[in-house]
């Protein structure tokens, strides 16, 4: 089991943008030895997970 934590509050604070998400946690499981990319598109009030790719 793996967990990625993206701390986004400072990113939005620097641009004086209010955000719904102070951080984002993504928990996932990998059962092979491939390399995976975890893409996230972040806007102040929206998160899009586009699915992992390898």
Protein backbone atom coordinates (compact mmCIF):
# COMPACT_ATOMS: atom_id res chain seq x y z
CA UNK A 1 0.00 0.00 0.00
CA UNK A 2 1.33 3.44 -0.93
CA UNK A 3 0.18 6.95 -0.09
CA UNK A 4 1.03 10.20 -1.84
CA UNK A 5 0.24 13.46 -0.07
CA UNK A 6 0.16 16.67 -2.07
CA UNK A 7 0.26 19.74 0.18
CA UNK A 8 -1.59 22.35 -1.86
CA UNK A 9 -2.46 25.10 0.64
CA UNK A 10 0.80 27.05 0.21
CA UNK A 11 0.57 26.79 -3.57
CA UNK A 12 -2.81 28.53 -3.61
CA UNK A 13 -1.92 30.92 -0.79
CA UNK A 14 1.03 32.29 -2.79
CA UNK A 15 -1.33 33.27 -5.59
CA UNK A 16 -4.03 34.65 -3.23
CA UNK A 17 -6.45 31.95 -4.38
CA UNK A 18 -8.94 30.33 -2.03
CA UNK A 19 -8.97 26.57 -2.29
CA UNK A 20 -11.23 23.81 -1.06
CA UNK A 21 -8.29 21.41 -0.65
CA UNK A 22 -5.45 22.13 1.83
CA UNK A 23 -3.93 18.79 0.85
CA UNK A 24 -4.74 15.75 -1.30
CA UNK A 25 -4.06 12.16 -0.30
CA UNK A 26 -3.94 9.42 -2.90
CA UNK A 27 -3.75 5.86 -1.59
CA UNK A 28 -3.01 3.05 -4.03
CA UNK A 29 -1.70 -0.48 -4.32
CA UNK A 30 0.80 -1.84 -6.83
CA UNK A 31 1.22 -5.57 -7.27
CA UNK A 32 3.95 -5.62 -9.92
CA UNK A 33 7.33 -3.99 -10.52
CA UNK A 34 6.28 -1.52 -13.23
CA UNK A 35 6.72 2.23 -12.97
CA UNK A 36 3.44 4.14 -12.60
CA UNK A 37 2.54 7.79 -13.13
CA UNK A 38 -0.19 9.28 -10.89
CA UNK A 39 -1.55 12.30 -12.78
CA UNK A 40 -3.61 14.91 -10.93
CA UNK A 41 -5.18 18.04 -12.38
CA UNK A 42 -5.86 20.57 -9.65
CA UNK A 43 -7.98 23.69 -9.71
CA UNK A 44 -9.03 25.69 -6.62
CA UNK A 45 -12.31 23.77 -6.20
CA UNK A 46 -11.80 20.72 -8.43
CA UNK A 47 -9.50 17.67 -8.50
CA UNK A 48 -9.35 15.29 -11.44
CA UNK A 49 -7.64 11.94 -11.23
CA UNK A 50 -7.08 10.72 -14.75
CA UNK A 51 -6.01 7.21 -13.81
CA UNK A 52 -2.55 5.79 -13.37
CA UNK A 53 -0.45 4.91 -16.39
CA UNK A 54 2.64 2.87 -16.78
